[in-house]
Amino acid sequence: MSLALAHPQLEAIADACQRHHVARMDVFGSVLRPDYRPGESDIDLLVEFHPLDPAASTRLTSHS
């Protein structure tokens, strides 16, 4: 079963994935079942990130 999303939602998700270096994102749980209730049920995500360059992570945490 696939999750039907509107084009603006898909664009927002794609933008967030790119900003946060997401390599892969999967959904699981009730969102894929007929008993899913939009606005009431949560959406479970499994996210895999691209490896970060250690120097990049140092720049991310720097307070200068």
C-alpha atoms as a PDB file:
ATOM      1  CA  MET A   1       0.000   0.000   0.000  1.00  0.00           C
ATOM      2  CA  SER A   2       1.292   3.494  -0.742  1.00  0.00           C
ATOM      3  CA  LEU A   3       0.716   6.713   1.140  1.00  0.00           C
ATOM      4  CA  ALA A   4      -1.130   9.316  -0.933  1.00  0.00           C
ATOM      5  CA  LEU A   5       0.169  12.838  -0.377  1.00  0.00           C
ATOM      6  CA  ALA A   6      -0.555  16.101  -2.144  1.00  0.00           C
ATOM      7  CA  HIS A   7       2.186  17.602  -4.324  1.00  0.00           C
ATOM      8  CA  PRO A   8       2.981  20.440  -1.839  1.00  0.00           C
ATOM      9  CA  GLN A   9       3.420  17.879   0.948  1.00  0.00           C
ATOM     10  CA  LEU A  10       5.770  15.789  -1.190  1.00  0.00           C
ATOM     11  CA  GLU A  11       7.828  18.873  -2.076  1.00  0.00           C
ATOM     12  CA  ALA A  12       8.102  19.879   1.596  1.00  0.00           C
ATOM     13  CA  ILE A  13       9.207  16.376   2.583  1.00  0.00           C
ATOM     14  CA  ALA A  14      11.755  16.229  -0.260  1.00  0.00           C
ATOM     15  CA  ASP A  15      13.159  19.646   0.744  1.00  0.00           C
ATOM     16  CA  ALA A  16      13.473  18.590   4.402  1.00  0.00           C
ATOM     17  CA  CYS A  17      15.184  15.341   3.405  1.00  0.00           C
ATOM     18  CA  GLN A  18      17.699  17.218   1.283  1.00  0.00           C
ATOM     19  CA  ARG A  19      18.421  19.796   4.021  1.00  0.00           C
ATOM     20  CA  HIS A  20      18.978  17.081   6.629  1.00  0.00           C
ATOM     21  CA  HIS A  21      21.017  14.715   4.412  1.00  0.00           C
ATOM     22  CA  VAL A  22      18.444  11.923   4.400  1.00  0.00           C
ATOM     23  CA  ALA A  23      19.484   8.947   2.291  1.00  0.00           C
ATOM     24  CA  ARG A  24      16.262   6.980   2.737  1.00  0.00           C
ATOM     25  CA  MET A  25      12.974   7.365   4.569  1.00  0.00           C
ATOM     26  CA  ASP A  26      10.335   4.676   5.028  1.00  0.00           C
ATOM     27  CA  VAL A  27       6.945   4.767   6.714  1.00  0.00           C
ATOM     28  CA  PHE A  28       5.509   1.929   8.769  1.00  0.00           C
ATOM     29  CA  GLY A  29       2.659   1.255  11.134  1.00  0.00           C
ATOM     30  CA  SER A  30      -0.967   2.329  11.003  1.00  0.00           C
ATOM     31  CA  VAL A  31      -0.410   4.931   8.272  1.00  0.00           C
ATOM     32  CA  LEU A  32      -0.162   2.017   5.825  1.00  0.00           C
ATOM     33  CA  ARG A  33      -3.256   0.234   7.072  1.00  0.00           C
ATOM     34  CA  PRO A  34      -6.934   0.887   6.386  1.00  0.00           C
ATOM     35  CA  ASP A  35      -7.468   1.892  10.043  1.00  0.00           C
ATOM     36  CA  TYR A  36      -5.239   5.000   9.672  1.00  0.00           C
ATOM     37  CA  ARG A  37      -7.088   8.139  10.831  1.00  0.00           C
ATOM     38  CA  PRO A  38      -5.614  11.402   9.450  1.00  0.00           C
ATOM     39  CA  GLY A  39      -5.405  13.994  12.189  1.00  0.00           C
ATOM     40  CA  GLU A  40      -5.600  11.341  14.914  1.00  0.00           C
ATOM     41  CA  SER A  41      -3.027   8.658  14.074  1.00  0.00           C
ATOM     42  CA  ASP A  42       0.688   9.306  14.198  1.00  0.00           C
ATOM     43  CA  ILE A  43       3.051   8.638  11.300  1.00  0.00           C
ATOM     44  CA  ASP A  44       5.991   6.343  12.065  1.00  0.00           C
ATOM     45  CA  LEU A  45       9.167   7.008  10.070  1.00  0.00           C
ATOM     46  CA  LEU A  46      12.430   5.109   9.731  1.00  0.00           C
ATOM     47  CA  VAL A  47      15.131   7.490   8.506  1.00  0.00           C
ATOM     48  CA  GLU A  48      18.616   6.662   7.232  1.00  0.00           C
ATOM     49  CA  PHE A  49      21.040   9.563   6.901  1.00  0.00           C
ATOM     50  CA  HIS A  50      23.979  10.012   4.541  1.00  0.00           C
ATOM     51  CA  PRO A  51      27.307   9.841   6.372  1.00  0.00           C
ATOM     52  CA  LEU A  52      28.569  13.242   7.449  1.00  0.00           C
ATOM     53  CA  ASP A  53      32.115  14.424   6.989  1.00  0.00           C
ATOM     54  CA  PRO A  54      33.579  14.774  10.525  1.00  0.00           C
ATOM     55  CA  ALA A  55      34.732  18.305   9.665  1.00  0.00           C
ATOM     56  CA  ALA A  56      31.177  19.199   8.638  1.00  0.00           C
ATOM     57  CA  SER A  57      29.766  18.004  11.953  1.00  0.00           C
ATOM     58  CA  THR A  58      32.315  20.151  13.785  1.00  0.00           C
ATOM     59  CA  ARG A  59      31.140  23.191  11.822  1.00  0.00           C
ATOM     60  CA  LEU A  60      27.519  22.340  12.632  1.00  0.00           C
ATOM     61  CA  THR A  61      28.175  22.404  16.382  1.00  0.00           C
ATOM     62  CA  SER A  62      30.527  25.393  16.404  1.00  0.00           C
ATOM     63  CA  HIS A  63      29.228  28.465  18.226  1.00  0.00           C
ATOM     64  CA  SER A  64      31.601  30.968  16.593  1.00  0.00           C
END
